[in-house]
Amino acid sequence: MLANFPLLLALLAIVSLLICIIYLRIHAFIALILISALTAVFGGVTIDNIVPTMMQGFGSTLASVALLVGLGAMIGKILEVTGGAQVLADSLINRFGISRAPFALGIASLLFGFPIFFDAGLIVMLPVILSVAARFKGSVLLYALPAAGAFAVMHALVPPHPGPVVAADLLGADIGNLLFWGVLVSLPTWYFGSYLFARWIAPRFDVPLPSLFSASHNDASAPNDTHLSESLPPLGQVLSILLLPLLLIFLNTGISTYLVAYSIENKSTLLMVLQTIGQTPIALLITLLICLLLFLPKLGKQKLHDLCNDALAPICAIILVTGAGGMFGGVLRATGIGDALSNALSDTGMPIIVAAFVIAASLRIAQGSATVALTTTAALVAPMLATQAQLSQADLCFIVIAIAGGASVLSHFNDSGFWLVSRLFGMDEKTTLRTWTPMVTLIGLFAFLFAGVLSLVF
């Protein structure tokens, strides 16, 4: 039994996954379930709790991913078939030029990523990314990584996303100050860690366009039935569809941030209704319904029904594999690996900002969840601050950013986001490890570097 050696257990589990998926070519869904079960057995989980532990990790991941992917895929399918995604792609290209199309996608994703979560933002932007990539050929990574990296940066570093908000609350950092410093750090972090990396790595990996929404993406000379009408939707209509979930989610996160900042516990009925409307699944559902109404005269009831049905078939593998990745991460957490790492790293004698980064990075690598790593590290670091000299609000914000940077590094098999990116962009596991994993690691390192430099100056 390896229950008394959780760090060794985690290492053996990850190595076993690598062998099963890359060398034995076992399907990722099967491998993740098998290794999760074995990890639970050797990690000391009682026999009667093995399956419930696995299902808890699987179910909690599906609860946060399945609705978003399903609703987002329907919206994306309609935009792709009606030409809406192509309209926005053409507009971006006309304004920024062909050579700066990846930069334009990244900037748009940074703006979209301010209030919207990583997975939801990526799903909404996916048809636009694919449309731009289809027009210019080449590796899809040149266009996908800057956008995905932008959502990852904003999700990790900038309020009102839950990780930095919770960490700020635990450490006593002011949300307004964290918003300022988070945005300031996120821009160069994205540029160096995501955009420049994407331009360097994309020519080295020829990743073709996935056929997630339509096989027509794979053929720029596809017949004219790609778009069912000769008249493309106006740019304003397309933007309204893409911006609607953004505004609704911003409404929810803005209200939540306001309530936390002013410690308001008794919410009015109106605030609760507005927060519910701004929950990501409801926001996407409202957007889908409006999208259906807008295109009903053009496509008709039956065609819209068929498009929604067609959108769901390709995403089943994405949802199941992502859920299995959440299962693996949940099993690792249940074995106590987080507590083991916390005890080993909490009293290292390192500077507080360095210790915060190292602890968060270790927890992230071991159990997969960036949010768990971020919030757990903040809870561990909070008592350490009591032994420090008086820290300014800026210092507290830099510590939060350092924690967020550590919680972003080395996304791999135990991270559901790894599987989501892998499946959405049609990459195998080895390619994802060699592209997505180093990119998010660079993002985490640059965030920590910029926070450390700023802490020496301010």
Protein backbone atom coordinates (compact mmCIF):
# COMPACT_ATOMS: atom_id res chain seq x y z
CA MET A 1 0.00 0.00 0.00
CA LEU A 2 1.21 3.48 -0.88
CA ALA A 3 -1.23 5.39 1.33
CA ASN A 4 1.62 6.56 3.55
CA PHE A 5 3.57 7.86 0.54
CA PRO A 6 1.08 10.04 -1.36
CA LEU A 7 3.73 11.93 -3.33
CA LEU A 8 5.21 8.68 -4.64
CA LEU A 9 1.70 7.43 -5.38
CA ALA A 10 0.92 10.54 -7.43
CA LEU A 11 4.17 10.18 -9.38
CA LEU A 12 3.50 6.51 -10.14
CA ALA A 13 -0.08 7.29 -11.21
CA ILE A 14 1.02 10.01 -13.64
CA VAL A 15 3.79 7.84 -15.10
CA SER A 16 1.32 4.97 -15.50
CA LEU A 17 -1.04 7.26 -17.40
CA LEU A 18 1.76 8.34 -19.71
CA ILE A 19 2.61 4.70 -20.46
CA CYS A 20 -1.03 3.68 -21.02
CA ILE A 21 -1.98 6.59 -23.27
CA ILE A 22 1.19 7.35 -25.22
CA TYR A 23 2.96 4.01 -25.49
CA LEU A 24 0.21 1.38 -25.10
CA ARG A 25 -2.26 3.57 -27.06
CA ILE A 26 -5.12 2.88 -24.65
CA HIS A 27 -7.92 5.39 -25.14
CA ALA A 28 -7.61 8.27 -22.68
CA PHE A 29 -11.12 7.72 -21.29
CA ILE A 30 -10.39 4.09 -20.44
CA ALA A 31 -6.89 4.83 -19.11
CA LEU A 32 -8.10 7.60 -16.82
CA ILE A 33 -10.81 5.40 -15.29
CA LEU A 34 -8.40 2.48 -14.82
CA ILE A 35 -5.61 4.54 -13.23
CA SER A 36 -8.10 6.45 -11.07
CA ALA A 37 -9.42 3.16 -9.66
CA LEU A 38 -5.94 1.77 -9.01
CA THR A 39 -4.83 5.03 -7.42
CA ALA A 40 -7.81 4.94 -5.09
CA VAL A 41 -7.05 1.32 -4.13
CA PHE A 42 -3.36 1.89 -3.41
CA GLY A 43 -4.03 5.32 -1.89
CA GLY A 44 -5.94 3.89 1.05
CA VAL A 45 -9.47 4.75 -0.04
CA THR A 46 -11.76 2.21 1.57
CA ILE A 47 -13.36 -0.31 -0.76
CA ASP A 48 -16.87 1.01 -0.26
CA ASN A 49 -15.71 4.57 -1.06
CA ILE A 50 -13.67 3.87 -4.20
CA VAL A 51 -16.54 4.23 -6.67
CA PRO A 52 -18.19 7.19 -4.85
CA THR A 53 -14.83 9.00 -4.80
CA MET A 54 -14.38 8.43 -8.52
CA MET A 55 -17.94 9.49 -9.29
CA GLN A 56 -17.64 12.63 -7.19
CA GLY A 57 -14.68 13.87 -9.23
CA PHE A 58 -16.31 12.81 -12.48
CA GLY A 59 -19.69 14.31 -11.64
CA SER A 60 -18.39 17.63 -10.33
CA THR A 61 -16.36 18.13 -13.50
CA LEU A 62 -19.28 17.27 -15.75
CA ALA A 63 -21.50 19.63 -13.77
CA SER A 64 -19.24 22.53 -14.66
CA VAL A 65 -18.29 21.48 -18.20
CA ALA A 66 -21.08 19.48 -19.87
CA LEU A 67 -23.72 22.22 -20.02
CA LEU A 68 -21.21 24.82 -21.16
CA VAL A 69 -19.76 22.65 -23.91
CA GLY A 70 -23.17 21.47 -25.10
CA LEU A 71 -24.80 24.92 -25.23
CA GLY A 72 -21.66 26.53 -26.62
CA ALA A 73 -21.35 23.89 -29.34
CA MET A 74 -24.91 24.61 -30.50
CA ILE A 75 -24.24 28.34 -30.65
CA GLY A 76 -20.99 27.73 -32.47
CA LYS A 77 -22.62 25.36 -34.97
CA ILE A 78 -25.29 27.89 -35.88
CA LEU A 79 -22.74 30.70 -36.23
CA GLU A 80 -20.52 28.51 -38.39
CA VAL A 81 -23.24 27.30 -40.76
CA THR A 82 -24.91 30.71 -41.15
CA GLY A 83 -21.56 32.38 -41.79
CA GLY A 84 -21.58 34.43 -38.60
CA ALA A 85 -18.18 33.19 -37.49
CA GLN A 86 -16.77 33.98 -40.92
CA VAL A 87 -18.19 37.51 -40.77
CA LEU A 88 -16.41 38.22 -37.48
CA ALA A 89 -13.23 36.53 -38.68
CA ASP A 90 -13.21 38.65 -41.85
CA SER A 91 -13.79 41.80 -39.80
CA LEU A 92 -10.86 41.03 -37.51
CA ILE A 93 -8.59 40.26 -40.46
CA ASN A 94 -9.61 43.41 -42.34
CA ARG A 95 -8.87 45.57 -39.31
CA PHE A 96 -5.64 43.95 -38.13
CA GLY A 97 -4.26 42.39 -41.32
CA ILE A 98 -3.40 38.80 -42.14
CA SER A 99 -0.10 38.71 -40.28
CA ARG A 100 -1.70 40.00 -37.08
CA ALA A 101 -4.73 37.70 -37.08
CA PRO A 102 -3.40 35.63 -34.11
CA PHE A 103 -2.77 38.87 -32.21
CA ALA A 104 -6.31 40.07 -32.97
CA LEU A 105 -7.82 36.80 -31.73
CA GLY A 106 -5.76 37.04 -28.56
CA ILE A 107 -6.81 40.63 -27.84
CA ALA A 108 -10.46 39.75 -28.44
CA SER A 109 -10.11 36.80 -26.06
CA LEU A 110 -8.49 38.98 -23.39
CA LEU A 111 -11.52 41.28 -23.53
CA PHE A 112 -13.96 38.37 -23.55
CA GLY A 113 -12.00 36.69 -20.75
CA PHE A 114 -12.47 39.55 -18.30
CA PRO A 115 -15.79 38.28 -16.91
CA ILE A 116 -16.21 34.88 -18.61
CA PHE A 117 -14.63 31.65 -17.37
CA PHE A 118 -11.91 29.84 -19.29
CA ASP A 119 -13.97 26.94 -20.63
CA ALA A 120 -17.04 29.00 -21.53
CA GLY A 121 -14.96 31.68 -23.26
CA LEU A 122 -13.04 29.14 -25.27
CA ILE A 123 -16.25 27.46 -26.41
CA VAL A 124 -17.82 30.77 -27.49
CA MET A 125 -14.70 31.87 -29.41
CA LEU A 126 -14.03 28.47 -30.97
CA PRO A 127 -15.97 28.99 -34.23
CA VAL A 128 -14.21 32.30 -34.80
CA ILE A 129 -10.81 30.72 -34.19
CA LEU A 130 -11.60 27.87 -36.59
CA SER A 131 -12.90 30.25 -39.24
CA VAL A 132 -9.72 32.33 -39.19
CA ALA A 133 -7.55 29.21 -39.21
CA ALA A 134 -9.54 27.71 -42.10
CA ARG A 135 -9.02 30.80 -44.21
CA PHE A 136 -5.23 30.87 -43.91
CA LYS A 137 -4.44 27.16 -43.55
CA GLY A 138 -1.32 26.19 -41.62
CA SER A 139 -1.30 24.88 -38.06
CA VAL A 140 -4.39 25.70 -36.04
CA LEU A 141 -2.09 26.32 -33.05
CA LEU A 142 -1.06 29.70 -34.46
CA TYR A 143 -4.61 30.94 -33.88
CA ALA A 144 -5.79 28.67 -31.05
CA LEU A 145 -2.99 29.14 -28.52
CA PRO A 146 -3.07 32.97 -28.31
CA ALA A 147 -6.82 32.84 -27.69
CA ALA A 148 -6.71 29.93 -25.23
CA GLY A 149 -3.76 31.53 -23.44
CA ALA A 150 -5.66 34.80 -23.10
CA PHE A 151 -8.58 33.08 -21.41
CA ALA A 152 -6.18 31.16 -19.14
CA VAL A 153 -4.37 34.35 -18.10
CA MET A 154 -7.54 36.27 -17.32
CA HIS A 155 -9.09 33.33 -15.46
CA ALA A 156 -6.04 32.92 -13.24
CA LEU A 157 -5.00 36.48 -12.50
CA VAL A 158 -7.88 38.91 -12.75
CA PRO A 159 -10.98 39.38 -10.58
CA PRO A 160 -13.87 38.76 -10.70
CA HIS A 161 -12.79 35.19 -11.48
CA PRO A 162 -13.28 32.97 -8.41
CA GLY A 163 -9.67 31.90 -7.78
CA PRO A 164 -8.12 35.36 -7.32
CA VAL A 165 -11.23 36.62 -5.52
CA VAL A 166 -11.10 33.81 -2.93
CA ALA A 167 -7.33 34.17 -2.51
CA ALA A 168 -7.67 37.93 -2.07
CA ASP A 169 -10.31 37.40 0.59
CA LEU A 170 -8.13 34.90 2.49
CA LEU A 171 -5.06 37.14 2.39
CA GLY A 172 -6.88 40.41 2.99
CA ALA A 173 -6.01 41.93 -0.39
CA ASP A 174 -8.27 44.65 -1.73
CA ILE A 175 -10.23 43.52 -4.82
CA GLY A 176 -9.88 46.90 -6.53
CA ASN A 177 -6.10 46.90 -6.10
CA LEU A 178 -5.89 43.30 -7.25
CA LEU A 179 -7.91 44.16 -10.35
CA PHE A 180 -5.43 46.92 -11.23
CA TRP A 181 -2.29 44.86 -10.64
CA GLY A 182 -3.83 41.74 -12.16
CA VAL A 183 -4.61 43.49 -15.43
CA LEU A 184 -1.18 45.14 -15.43
CA VAL A 185 0.55 41.78 -15.05
CA SER A 186 -1.78 39.83 -17.33
CA LEU A 187 -1.02 41.84 -20.48
CA PRO A 188 2.77 41.22 -20.69
CA THR A 189 2.23 37.71 -19.30
CA TRP A 190 -0.07 36.89 -22.22
CA TYR A 191 2.19 38.56 -24.78
CA PHE A 192 5.40 36.76 -23.76
CA GLY A 193 3.96 33.53 -22.40
CA SER A 194 1.23 32.88 -24.94
CA TYR A 195 1.36 35.02 -28.08
CA LEU A 196 5.12 34.89 -28.76
CA PHE A 197 5.24 31.24 -27.72
CA ALA A 198 2.41 30.42 -30.15
CA ARG A 199 4.23 32.08 -33.03
CA TRP A 200 7.34 30.05 -32.20
CA ILE A 201 5.71 26.66 -31.57
CA ALA A 202 3.01 26.62 -34.27
CA PRO A 203 5.35 26.02 -37.26
CA ARG A 204 6.84 23.03 -35.42
CA PHE A 205 3.50 21.20 -35.05
CA ASP A 206 1.20 20.78 -38.02
CA VAL A 207 -2.13 20.50 -36.23
CA PRO A 208 -4.97 20.38 -38.80
CA LEU A 209 -8.39 21.88 -38.25
CA PRO A 210 -10.68 19.65 -36.19
CA SER A 211 -14.05 18.73 -37.65
CA LEU A 212 -15.88 19.68 -34.45
CA PHE A 213 -18.63 21.71 -36.08
CA SER A 214 -18.41 20.81 -39.74
CA ALA A 215 -16.18 18.97 -42.16
CA SER A 216 -16.26 22.12 -44.28
CA HIS A 217 -13.59 23.61 -42.02
CA ASN A 218 -11.12 21.18 -43.50
CA ASP A 219 -11.68 22.38 -47.05
CA ALA A 220 -11.49 26.05 -47.94
CA SER A 221 -12.95 25.22 -51.36
CA ALA A 222 -16.03 23.56 -49.90
CA PRO A 223 -19.21 24.13 -51.89
CA ASN A 224 -21.48 27.04 -51.18
CA ASP A 225 -23.84 24.99 -49.02
CA THR A 226 -21.47 25.65 -46.09
CA HIS A 227 -23.58 28.75 -45.53
CA LEU A 228 -27.22 28.03 -46.08
CA SER A 229 -28.03 31.51 -47.24
CA GLU A 230 -26.31 33.75 -49.73
CA SER A 231 -26.79 36.69 -47.37
CA LEU A 232 -24.42 36.57 -44.44
CA PRO A 233 -25.60 37.92 -41.08
CA PRO A 234 -24.54 41.51 -40.30
CA LEU A 235 -21.53 42.04 -38.06
CA GLY A 236 -23.65 43.75 -35.42
CA GLN A 237 -25.88 40.70 -35.10
CA VAL A 238 -22.91 38.37 -34.71
CA LEU A 239 -21.30 40.61 -32.11
CA SER A 240 -24.55 40.79 -30.17
CA ILE A 241 -24.69 37.00 -29.99
CA LEU A 242 -21.10 36.74 -28.79
CA LEU A 243 -21.31 39.67 -26.38
CA LEU A 244 -24.63 38.71 -24.79
CA PRO A 245 -23.22 35.89 -22.59
CA LEU A 246 -20.28 38.14 -21.80
CA LEU A 247 -22.58 40.89 -20.51
CA LEU A 248 -24.83 38.50 -18.60
CA ILE A 249 -21.89 36.77 -16.90
CA PHE A 250 -20.31 40.14 -16.16
CA LEU A 251 -23.58 41.11 -14.46
CA ASN A 252 -23.33 38.08 -12.18
CA THR A 253 -19.62 38.44 -11.40
CA GLY A 254 -19.94 42.19 -10.89
CA ILE A 255 -22.73 41.75 -8.37
CA SER A 256 -20.85 38.94 -6.60
CA THR A 257 -17.70 41.05 -6.36
CA TYR A 258 -19.70 43.97 -4.99
CA LEU A 259 -21.32 41.75 -2.33
CA VAL A 260 -17.95 40.32 -1.26
CA ALA A 261 -16.20 43.70 -1.22
CA TYR A 262 -18.84 45.26 1.03
CA SER A 263 -19.62 42.10 3.06
CA ILE A 264 -23.30 42.16 2.12
CA GLU A 265 -25.05 38.97 3.20
CA ASN A 266 -28.74 39.79 2.80
CA LYS A 267 -29.43 39.95 -0.92
CA SER A 268 -32.61 41.30 -2.39
CA THR A 269 -34.77 39.17 -4.68
CA LEU A 270 -33.76 41.33 -7.64
CA LEU A 271 -30.05 40.73 -7.01
CA MET A 272 -30.61 36.99 -6.72
CA VAL A 273 -32.55 36.96 -10.00
CA LEU A 274 -29.84 38.96 -11.78
CA GLN A 275 -27.14 36.65 -10.40
CA THR A 276 -29.06 33.59 -11.59
CA ILE A 277 -29.46 35.04 -15.07
CA GLY A 278 -25.72 35.70 -15.11
CA GLN A 279 -24.75 32.14 -14.16
CA THR A 280 -22.78 30.76 -17.10
CA PRO A 281 -25.17 27.92 -18.09
CA ILE A 282 -28.22 30.22 -17.93
CA ALA A 283 -26.38 32.97 -19.82
CA LEU A 284 -25.47 30.54 -22.60
CA LEU A 285 -29.01 29.12 -22.66
CA ILE A 286 -30.48 32.61 -23.08
CA THR A 287 -27.95 33.34 -25.81
CA LEU A 288 -28.82 30.10 -27.62
CA LEU A 289 -32.56 30.86 -27.47
CA ILE A 290 -32.01 34.34 -28.89
CA CYS A 291 -29.71 32.88 -31.55
CA LEU A 292 -32.46 30.43 -32.55
CA LEU A 293 -35.00 33.25 -32.78
CA LEU A 294 -32.70 35.42 -34.89
CA PHE A 295 -32.01 32.70 -37.44
CA LEU A 296 -35.46 31.06 -37.43
CA PRO A 297 -36.71 33.03 -40.48
CA LYS A 298 -33.60 32.14 -42.45
CA LEU A 299 -33.18 28.46 -41.55
CA GLY A 300 -36.57 27.24 -40.36
CA LYS A 301 -37.49 25.08 -37.36
CA GLN A 302 -36.36 21.72 -38.74
CA LYS A 303 -32.96 22.94 -39.89
CA LEU A 304 -32.25 24.60 -36.54
CA HIS A 305 -33.27 21.39 -34.79
CA ASP A 306 -30.94 19.37 -37.02
CA LEU A 307 -28.04 21.78 -36.45
CA CYS A 308 -28.42 21.55 -32.66
CA ASN A 309 -28.57 17.77 -32.89
CA ASP A 310 -25.49 17.64 -35.14
CA ALA A 311 -23.58 19.91 -32.75
CA LEU A 312 -23.94 17.49 -29.84
CA ALA A 313 -22.60 14.33 -31.48
CA PRO A 314 -18.91 15.34 -31.81
CA ILE A 315 -18.65 16.70 -28.24
CA CYS A 316 -19.54 13.48 -26.42
CA ALA A 317 -15.89 12.39 -26.39
CA ILE A 318 -14.80 15.84 -25.21
CA ILE A 319 -17.21 15.79 -22.28
CA LEU A 320 -16.47 12.22 -21.22
CA VAL A 321 -12.68 12.53 -21.39
CA THR A 322 -12.78 15.87 -19.58
CA GLY A 323 -14.94 14.32 -16.86
CA ALA A 324 -12.52 11.40 -16.55
CA GLY A 325 -9.68 13.89 -16.10
CA GLY A 326 -11.65 15.48 -13.28
CA MET A 327 -12.14 12.01 -11.80
CA PHE A 328 -8.38 11.40 -11.75
CA GLY A 329 -7.71 14.75 -10.09
CA GLY A 330 -10.44 14.11 -7.52
CA VAL A 331 -8.98 10.71 -6.61
CA LEU A 332 -5.54 12.24 -6.14
CA ARG A 333 -7.01 14.85 -3.80
CA ALA A 334 -8.81 12.14 -1.83
CA THR A 335 -5.52 10.31 -1.19
CA GLY A 336 -4.24 13.29 0.85
CA ILE A 337 -1.54 14.44 -1.50
CA GLY A 338 -2.46 18.08 -0.89
CA ASP A 339 -1.94 17.76 2.86
CA ALA A 340 1.37 15.96 2.32
CA LEU A 341 2.69 18.72 0.07
CA SER A 342 1.42 21.43 2.37
CA ASN A 343 3.25 19.96 5.34
CA ALA A 344 6.44 19.53 3.34
CA LEU A 345 6.51 23.04 1.88
CA SER A 346 4.82 25.32 4.39
CA ASP A 347 7.96 25.90 6.48
CA THR A 348 10.81 26.18 3.98
CA GLY A 349 12.33 29.51 5.01
CA MET A 350 11.88 30.92 1.51
CA PRO A 351 10.69 34.50 0.93
CA ILE A 352 6.93 34.56 1.27
CA ILE A 353 6.24 35.33 -2.40
CA VAL A 354 8.57 32.53 -3.55
CA ALA A 355 7.10 30.05 -1.07
CA ALA A 356 3.60 30.97 -2.23
CA PHE A 357 4.52 30.25 -5.85
CA VAL A 358 6.29 26.95 -5.06
CA ILE A 359 3.47 25.63 -2.88
CA ALA A 360 0.82 26.54 -5.45
CA ALA A 361 2.84 25.02 -8.30
CA SER A 362 3.41 21.80 -6.35
CA LEU A 363 -0.26 21.44 -5.52
CA ARG A 364 -1.23 22.20 -9.10
CA ILE A 365 1.13 19.59 -10.54
CA ALA A 366 0.07 16.97 -8.03
CA GLN A 367 -3.72 17.22 -8.08
CA GLY A 368 -4.58 19.14 -11.26
CA SER A 369 -7.15 21.71 -10.17
CA ALA A 370 -5.84 25.27 -10.45
CA THR A 371 -8.65 26.58 -8.25
CA VAL A 372 -7.92 24.05 -5.50
CA ALA A 373 -4.20 24.83 -5.69
CA LEU A 374 -4.86 28.57 -5.53
CA THR A 375 -7.31 28.54 -2.64
CA THR A 376 -5.40 25.91 -0.64
CA THR A 377 -2.15 27.83 -0.99
CA ALA A 378 -3.82 31.08 0.04
CA ALA A 379 -5.16 29.38 3.18
CA LEU A 380 -1.67 28.06 3.98
CA VAL A 381 0.08 31.35 3.31
CA ALA A 382 -2.37 33.49 5.30
CA PRO A 383 -0.94 32.48 8.73
CA MET A 384 2.60 33.11 7.45
CA LEU A 385 1.71 36.74 6.78
CA ALA A 386 1.17 37.29 10.50
CA THR A 387 4.91 36.77 11.05
CA GLN A 388 5.88 39.31 8.38
CA ALA A 389 6.42 43.00 8.78
CA GLN A 390 3.54 45.25 7.80
CA LEU A 391 2.69 44.40 4.21
CA SER A 392 1.14 46.95 1.88
CA GLN A 393 -1.94 46.26 -0.21
CA ALA A 394 0.34 46.06 -3.25
CA ASP A 395 2.46 43.38 -1.54
CA LEU A 396 -0.65 41.32 -0.79
CA CYS A 397 -1.77 41.62 -4.42
CA PHE A 398 1.64 40.47 -5.66
CA ILE A 399 1.46 37.43 -3.39
CA VAL A 400 -2.00 36.58 -4.79
CA ILE A 401 -0.64 36.90 -8.34
CA ALA A 402 2.36 34.70 -7.46
CA ILE A 403 -0.01 32.06 -6.10
CA ALA A 404 -2.13 32.29 -9.25
CA GLY A 405 1.01 31.89 -11.36
CA GLY A 406 2.01 28.76 -9.48
CA ALA A 407 -1.52 27.37 -9.81
CA SER A 408 -1.28 27.74 -13.61
CA VAL A 409 1.85 25.73 -14.41
CA LEU A 410 2.21 22.26 -15.93
CA SER A 411 -1.34 21.41 -16.91
CA HIS A 412 -1.32 17.67 -17.64
CA PHE A 413 -3.42 14.52 -17.37
CA ASN A 414 -5.02 15.33 -13.99
CA ASP A 415 -6.31 18.69 -15.21
CA SER A 416 -9.71 18.70 -16.91
CA GLY A 417 -8.65 21.81 -18.83
CA PHE A 418 -5.87 19.80 -20.47
CA TRP A 419 -8.41 17.38 -21.93
CA LEU A 420 -10.79 20.15 -22.95
CA VAL A 421 -8.09 21.93 -24.97
CA SER A 422 -6.80 18.65 -26.39
CA ARG A 423 -10.21 17.56 -27.67
CA LEU A 424 -11.51 20.95 -28.81
CA PHE A 425 -8.50 21.49 -31.07
CA GLY A 426 -8.12 17.89 -32.16
CA MET A 427 -4.70 17.27 -30.62
CA ASP A 428 -3.41 13.96 -29.32
CA GLU A 429 -2.03 13.74 -25.79
CA LYS A 430 1.64 13.94 -26.80
CA THR A 431 1.08 17.10 -28.87
CA THR A 432 -0.92 18.70 -26.07
CA LEU A 433 1.88 17.97 -23.60
CA ARG A 434 4.40 19.59 -25.95
CA THR A 435 2.34 22.70 -26.75
CA TRP A 436 -0.38 23.54 -24.25
CA THR A 437 1.54 22.37 -21.16
CA PRO A 438 4.67 24.49 -21.78
CA MET A 439 2.52 27.49 -22.71
CA VAL A 440 0.57 27.55 -19.44
CA THR A 441 3.84 26.90 -17.60
CA LEU A 442 5.33 29.99 -19.25
CA ILE A 443 2.21 31.94 -18.32
CA GLY A 444 2.63 30.93 -14.67
CA LEU A 445 6.35 31.69 -14.65
CA PHE A 446 5.94 35.11 -16.28
CA ALA A 447 3.12 36.04 -13.90
CA PHE A 448 5.36 35.12 -10.95
CA LEU A 449 8.34 36.95 -12.47
CA PHE A 450 6.42 40.17 -13.09
CA ALA A 451 4.82 40.02 -9.63
CA GLY A 452 8.25 39.48 -8.04
CA VAL A 453 9.80 42.40 -9.90
CA LEU A 454 6.92 44.69 -9.02
CA SER A 455 7.16 43.67 -5.36
CA LEU A 456 10.77 44.91 -5.33
CA VAL A 457 9.79 48.24 -6.88
CA PHE A 458 6.57 49.10 -5.04
